[in-house]
Amino acid sequence: MLLYSQGSHPVVGRDGTLYVFWDGSTKHVTLDGTYMVKSSDGGATWSRPLEVSTLTEIPPLKGYRISSE
C-alpha cells in the first residue's frame, strides 16, 4: 500500500506505546484520510497503517473573507 502523506503527530500512550497520526491517501482512493501506526517496542517495529478517519475538503464560502485583524 503506497501512502502519500503530509505532516505527522506522534503521541506516547500511558503504557509507553508510540502512536503516529498523519493525513494521507493511497493511489487507489479519492478522499484523504487520517492514518495511524503504533509501536509497542520503542519504535523498533511498527504496525501496518490503519485509516482511522476519512477527510472531506470543505470549499470556502463565496464572498467570505478571513481577516487577520
Protein backbone atom coordinates (compact mmCIF):
# COMPACT_ATOMS: atom_id res chain seq x y z
CA MET A 1 0.00 0.00 0.00
CA LEU A 2 1.58 3.26 -1.13
CA LEU A 3 0.70 6.17 1.13
CA TYR A 4 1.01 9.83 0.26
CA SER A 5 1.22 11.83 3.46
CA GLN A 6 1.50 15.26 4.98
CA GLY A 7 2.65 16.09 8.48
CA SER A 8 2.68 13.75 11.44
CA HIS A 9 1.57 13.87 15.04
CA PRO A 10 3.41 11.48 17.38
CA VAL A 11 1.76 10.56 20.71
CA VAL A 12 3.02 8.44 23.61
CA GLY A 13 0.39 6.42 25.48
CA ARG A 14 0.40 5.92 29.26
CA ASP A 15 1.88 2.45 28.81
CA GLY A 16 4.71 3.76 26.58
CA THR A 17 3.11 2.71 23.28
CA LEU A 18 4.07 5.10 20.47
CA TYR A 19 1.34 6.26 18.07
CA VAL A 20 1.86 8.38 14.95
CA PHE A 21 -1.08 10.00 13.14
CA TRP A 22 -0.93 11.74 9.75
CA ASP A 23 -3.16 12.88 6.89
CA GLY A 24 -2.64 10.93 3.71
CA SER A 25 -4.01 8.91 0.84
CA THR A 26 -3.30 5.89 -1.29
CA LYS A 27 -3.18 5.88 -5.05
CA HIS A 28 -6.43 3.87 -5.09
CA VAL A 29 -8.76 6.23 -3.17
CA THR A 30 -10.23 9.63 -3.98
CA LEU A 31 -10.59 11.00 -0.42
CA ASP A 32 -7.77 11.67 2.03
CA GLY A 33 -7.84 10.09 5.44
CA THR A 34 -6.18 10.22 8.83
CA TYR A 35 -3.89 7.23 9.30
CA MET A 36 -2.21 5.75 12.37
CA VAL A 37 0.64 3.36 13.13
CA LYS A 38 1.75 2.15 16.55
CA SER A 39 4.84 0.65 18.13
CA SER A 40 4.98 -1.11 21.48
CA ASP A 41 8.73 -1.77 21.37
CA GLY A 42 10.15 1.76 21.37
CA GLY A 43 9.92 2.23 17.61
CA ALA A 44 11.85 -0.90 16.58
CA THR A 45 8.79 -2.22 14.71
CA TRP A 46 5.55 -0.59 13.60
CA SER A 47 2.05 -1.80 12.80
CA ARG A 48 0.62 -1.53 9.31
CA PRO A 49 -1.02 1.86 8.61
CA LEU A 50 -4.67 1.95 9.62
CA GLU A 51 -7.12 4.56 8.32
CA VAL A 52 -8.93 5.93 11.38
CA SER A 53 -10.94 8.69 9.68
CA THR A 54 -11.90 9.93 6.21
CA LEU A 55 -11.24 13.60 5.48
CA THR A 56 -13.56 15.68 3.32
CA GLU A 57 -12.48 19.02 1.90
CA ILE A 58 -14.96 21.81 2.54
CA PRO A 59 -14.91 24.54 -0.12
CA PRO A 60 -14.70 28.14 1.15
CA LEU A 61 -17.91 30.14 1.32
CA LYS A 62 -18.42 32.54 -1.57
CA GLY A 63 -17.98 36.16 -0.62
CA TYR A 64 -16.44 35.29 2.75
CA ARG A 65 -13.00 36.62 3.58
CA ILE A 66 -10.81 35.75 6.56
CA SER A 67 -9.34 38.81 8.21
CA SER A 68 -6.07 38.75 10.17
CA GLU A 69 -7.19 41.67 12.35
